[in-house]
N, C-alpha and C. Protein backbone atom coordinates (compact mmCIF):
# COMPACT_ATOMS: atom_id res chain seq x y z
N MET A 1 8.54 -12.77 -9.79
CA MET A 1 8.64 -12.73 -8.29
C MET A 1 7.61 -13.58 -7.72
N ARG A 2 8.12 -14.59 -7.07
CA ARG A 2 7.19 -15.65 -6.41
C ARG A 2 7.22 -15.58 -4.99
N GLY A 3 6.29 -15.15 -4.31
CA GLY A 3 6.30 -15.24 -2.78
C GLY A 3 4.84 -15.96 -2.50
N CYS A 4 4.96 -17.31 -2.49
CA CYS A 4 3.70 -18.08 -2.47
C CYS A 4 3.25 -18.18 -1.07
N VAL A 5 1.96 -17.67 -0.79
CA VAL A 5 1.24 -17.71 0.46
C VAL A 5 0.24 -18.86 0.54
N GLY A 6 0.42 -19.59 1.58
CA GLY A 6 -0.52 -20.89 1.72
C GLY A 6 -1.90 -20.39 2.09
N ALA A 7 -2.75 -21.42 2.08
CA ALA A 7 -4.26 -21.31 2.46
C ALA A 7 -4.39 -20.78 3.93
N THR A 8 -3.61 -21.31 4.82
CA THR A 8 -3.84 -20.88 6.29
C THR A 8 -3.28 -19.60 6.39
N GLU A 9 -2.26 -19.23 5.86
CA GLU A 9 -1.63 -17.82 5.95
C GLU A 9 -2.64 -16.78 5.27
N ARG A 10 -3.28 -17.17 4.25
CA ARG A 10 -4.08 -16.26 3.57
C ARG A 10 -5.33 -15.98 4.45
N ILE A 11 -5.88 -17.10 5.11
CA ILE A 11 -6.93 -16.82 6.16
C ILE A 11 -6.55 -15.90 7.28
N VAL A 12 -5.42 -16.21 7.81
CA VAL A 12 -4.91 -15.36 8.91
C VAL A 12 -4.70 -13.91 8.48
N ARG A 13 -4.19 -13.73 7.31
CA ARG A 13 -3.95 -12.34 6.70
C ARG A 13 -5.41 -11.57 6.51
N ALA A 14 -6.29 -12.43 6.10
CA ALA A 14 -7.75 -11.77 5.97
C ALA A 14 -8.33 -11.42 7.23
N LEU A 15 -8.09 -12.24 8.22
CA LEU A 15 -8.58 -11.91 9.69
C LEU A 15 -7.80 -10.74 10.26
N ILE A 16 -6.56 -10.64 10.00
CA ILE A 16 -5.73 -9.46 10.42
C ILE A 16 -6.31 -8.12 9.74
N GLY A 17 -6.59 -8.34 8.50
CA GLY A 17 -7.28 -7.18 7.82
C GLY A 17 -8.54 -6.74 8.39
N VAL A 18 -9.41 -7.71 8.79
CA VAL A 18 -10.72 -7.36 9.31
C VAL A 18 -10.38 -6.58 10.74
N ALA A 19 -9.57 -7.20 11.52
CA ALA A 19 -9.21 -6.66 12.87
C ALA A 19 -8.73 -5.17 12.62
N ALA A 20 -7.74 -5.07 11.65
CA ALA A 20 -7.25 -3.71 11.44
C ALA A 20 -8.29 -2.66 11.02
N VAL A 21 -9.23 -3.16 10.22
CA VAL A 21 -10.24 -2.19 9.88
C VAL A 21 -11.16 -1.87 11.02
N LEU A 22 -11.56 -2.77 11.79
CA LEU A 22 -12.45 -2.52 13.03
C LEU A 22 -11.71 -1.53 14.01
N VAL A 23 -10.35 -1.84 14.28
CA VAL A 23 -9.69 -0.97 15.18
C VAL A 23 -9.52 0.48 14.52
N GLY A 24 -9.30 0.49 13.24
CA GLY A 24 -9.04 1.70 12.42
C GLY A 24 -10.35 2.53 12.63
N LEU A 25 -11.58 1.91 12.47
CA LEU A 25 -12.77 2.53 12.51
C LEU A 25 -12.94 3.16 13.92
N GLN A 26 -12.63 2.58 14.93
CA GLN A 26 -12.64 2.98 16.30
C GLN A 26 -11.88 4.28 16.49
N GLN A 27 -10.62 4.24 15.91
CA GLN A 27 -9.65 5.33 16.01
C GLN A 27 -10.06 6.60 15.22
N GLY A 28 -11.00 6.39 14.40
CA GLY A 28 -11.52 7.56 13.56
C GLY A 28 -10.47 8.17 12.65
N GLY A 29 -10.29 9.48 12.59
CA GLY A 29 -9.54 10.11 11.56
C GLY A 29 -8.05 10.39 12.06
N THR A 30 -7.60 9.62 13.00
CA THR A 30 -6.33 9.82 13.52
C THR A 30 -5.27 9.18 12.70
N ALA A 31 -3.88 9.53 12.89
CA ALA A 31 -2.94 8.93 12.09
C ALA A 31 -2.84 7.42 12.32
N LEU A 32 -3.08 7.01 13.54
CA LEU A 32 -3.22 5.47 13.76
C LEU A 32 -4.28 4.81 13.07
N GLY A 33 -5.46 5.50 12.91
CA GLY A 33 -6.55 4.98 12.01
C GLY A 33 -6.18 4.75 10.62
N TYR A 34 -5.40 5.71 10.03
CA TYR A 34 -5.01 5.67 8.61
C TYR A 34 -3.85 4.59 8.55
N VAL A 35 -3.00 4.50 9.41
CA VAL A 35 -2.05 3.38 9.33
C VAL A 35 -2.68 2.10 9.34
N LEU A 36 -3.69 1.88 10.23
CA LEU A 36 -4.39 0.56 10.27
C LEU A 36 -5.19 0.37 9.06
N TYR A 37 -5.64 1.36 8.40
CA TYR A 37 -6.27 1.17 7.03
C TYR A 37 -5.22 0.56 5.95
N VAL A 38 -4.06 1.11 6.15
CA VAL A 38 -2.97 0.62 5.16
C VAL A 38 -2.71 -0.82 5.46
N VAL A 39 -2.57 -1.14 6.78
CA VAL A 39 -2.21 -2.46 7.11
C VAL A 39 -3.31 -3.49 6.59
N ALA A 40 -4.51 -2.98 6.88
CA ALA A 40 -5.73 -3.83 6.33
C ALA A 40 -5.66 -4.00 4.91
N ALA A 41 -5.35 -2.98 4.03
CA ALA A 41 -5.29 -3.08 2.65
C ALA A 41 -4.19 -3.90 2.19
N VAL A 42 -3.05 -3.88 2.75
CA VAL A 42 -2.03 -4.82 2.41
C VAL A 42 -2.39 -6.28 2.76
N ALA A 43 -2.74 -6.44 3.98
CA ALA A 43 -3.35 -7.86 4.33
C ALA A 43 -4.36 -8.42 3.49
N PHE A 44 -5.28 -7.58 3.09
CA PHE A 44 -6.23 -8.11 2.26
C PHE A 44 -5.76 -8.43 0.77
N ILE A 45 -5.05 -7.52 0.18
CA ILE A 45 -4.47 -7.75 -1.16
C ILE A 45 -3.52 -8.94 -1.19
N THR A 46 -2.67 -9.03 -0.14
CA THR A 46 -1.88 -10.32 -0.22
C THR A 46 -2.66 -11.61 0.02
N ALA A 47 -3.67 -11.50 0.81
CA ALA A 47 -4.59 -12.65 1.05
C ALA A 47 -5.39 -13.03 -0.18
N LEU A 48 -5.82 -12.01 -1.09
CA LEU A 48 -6.52 -12.23 -2.22
C LEU A 48 -5.64 -12.84 -3.39
N VAL A 49 -4.52 -12.17 -3.47
CA VAL A 49 -3.69 -12.45 -4.56
C VAL A 49 -2.79 -13.74 -4.35
N GLY A 50 -2.46 -14.08 -3.13
CA GLY A 50 -1.70 -15.21 -2.80
C GLY A 50 -0.22 -15.03 -2.85
N ARG A 51 0.20 -13.80 -3.06
CA ARG A 51 1.64 -13.53 -3.18
C ARG A 51 2.00 -12.37 -2.28
N CYS A 52 3.16 -12.46 -1.61
CA CYS A 52 3.63 -11.55 -0.78
C CYS A 52 5.00 -11.03 -1.29
N PRO A 53 5.23 -9.73 -1.64
CA PRO A 53 6.55 -9.34 -2.09
C PRO A 53 7.69 -9.49 -1.13
N LEU A 54 7.34 -9.30 0.15
CA LEU A 54 8.37 -9.40 1.18
C LEU A 54 8.80 -10.79 1.32
N TRP A 55 7.72 -11.79 1.23
CA TRP A 55 8.24 -13.20 1.39
C TRP A 55 9.02 -13.55 0.19
N ALA A 56 8.70 -12.91 -0.98
CA ALA A 56 9.53 -13.39 -2.19
C ALA A 56 10.96 -12.82 -2.03
N LEU A 57 11.15 -11.64 -1.45
CA LEU A 57 12.49 -11.12 -1.28
C LEU A 57 13.24 -12.00 -0.39
N LEU A 58 12.53 -12.53 0.70
CA LEU A 58 13.35 -13.31 1.82
C LEU A 58 13.31 -14.79 1.41
N GLY A 59 12.63 -15.15 0.33
CA GLY A 59 12.74 -16.59 -0.11
C GLY A 59 11.79 -17.39 0.66
N ILE A 60 10.63 -16.92 1.29
CA ILE A 60 9.86 -17.68 2.16
C ILE A 60 8.70 -18.27 1.40
N LYS A 61 8.35 -19.41 1.50
CA LYS A 61 7.12 -19.94 0.75
C LYS A 61 6.32 -20.67 1.77
N THR A 62 5.05 -20.36 1.91
CA THR A 62 4.22 -21.08 2.84
C THR A 62 3.19 -22.01 2.14
N CYS A 63 3.32 -21.88 0.83
CA CYS A 63 2.21 -22.76 0.06
C CYS A 63 2.91 -24.24 -0.23
N LYS A 64 2.09 -25.15 -0.49
CA LYS A 64 2.65 -26.47 -0.72
C LYS A 64 2.60 -26.74 -2.15
């Protein structure tokens, strides 16, 4: 499975992860807070690994 994520997209995903964590912390123990933690985790993991399963399924490659 190859869903190549480019450098710019990896940076954007990491920034989205940071923003989701910060907003999640503001929400506290609410359902929205937990959803934002999951969003942050997915964003961080795909940024670190450089692969996105959804992009692989759709055939999208943002790396060069």
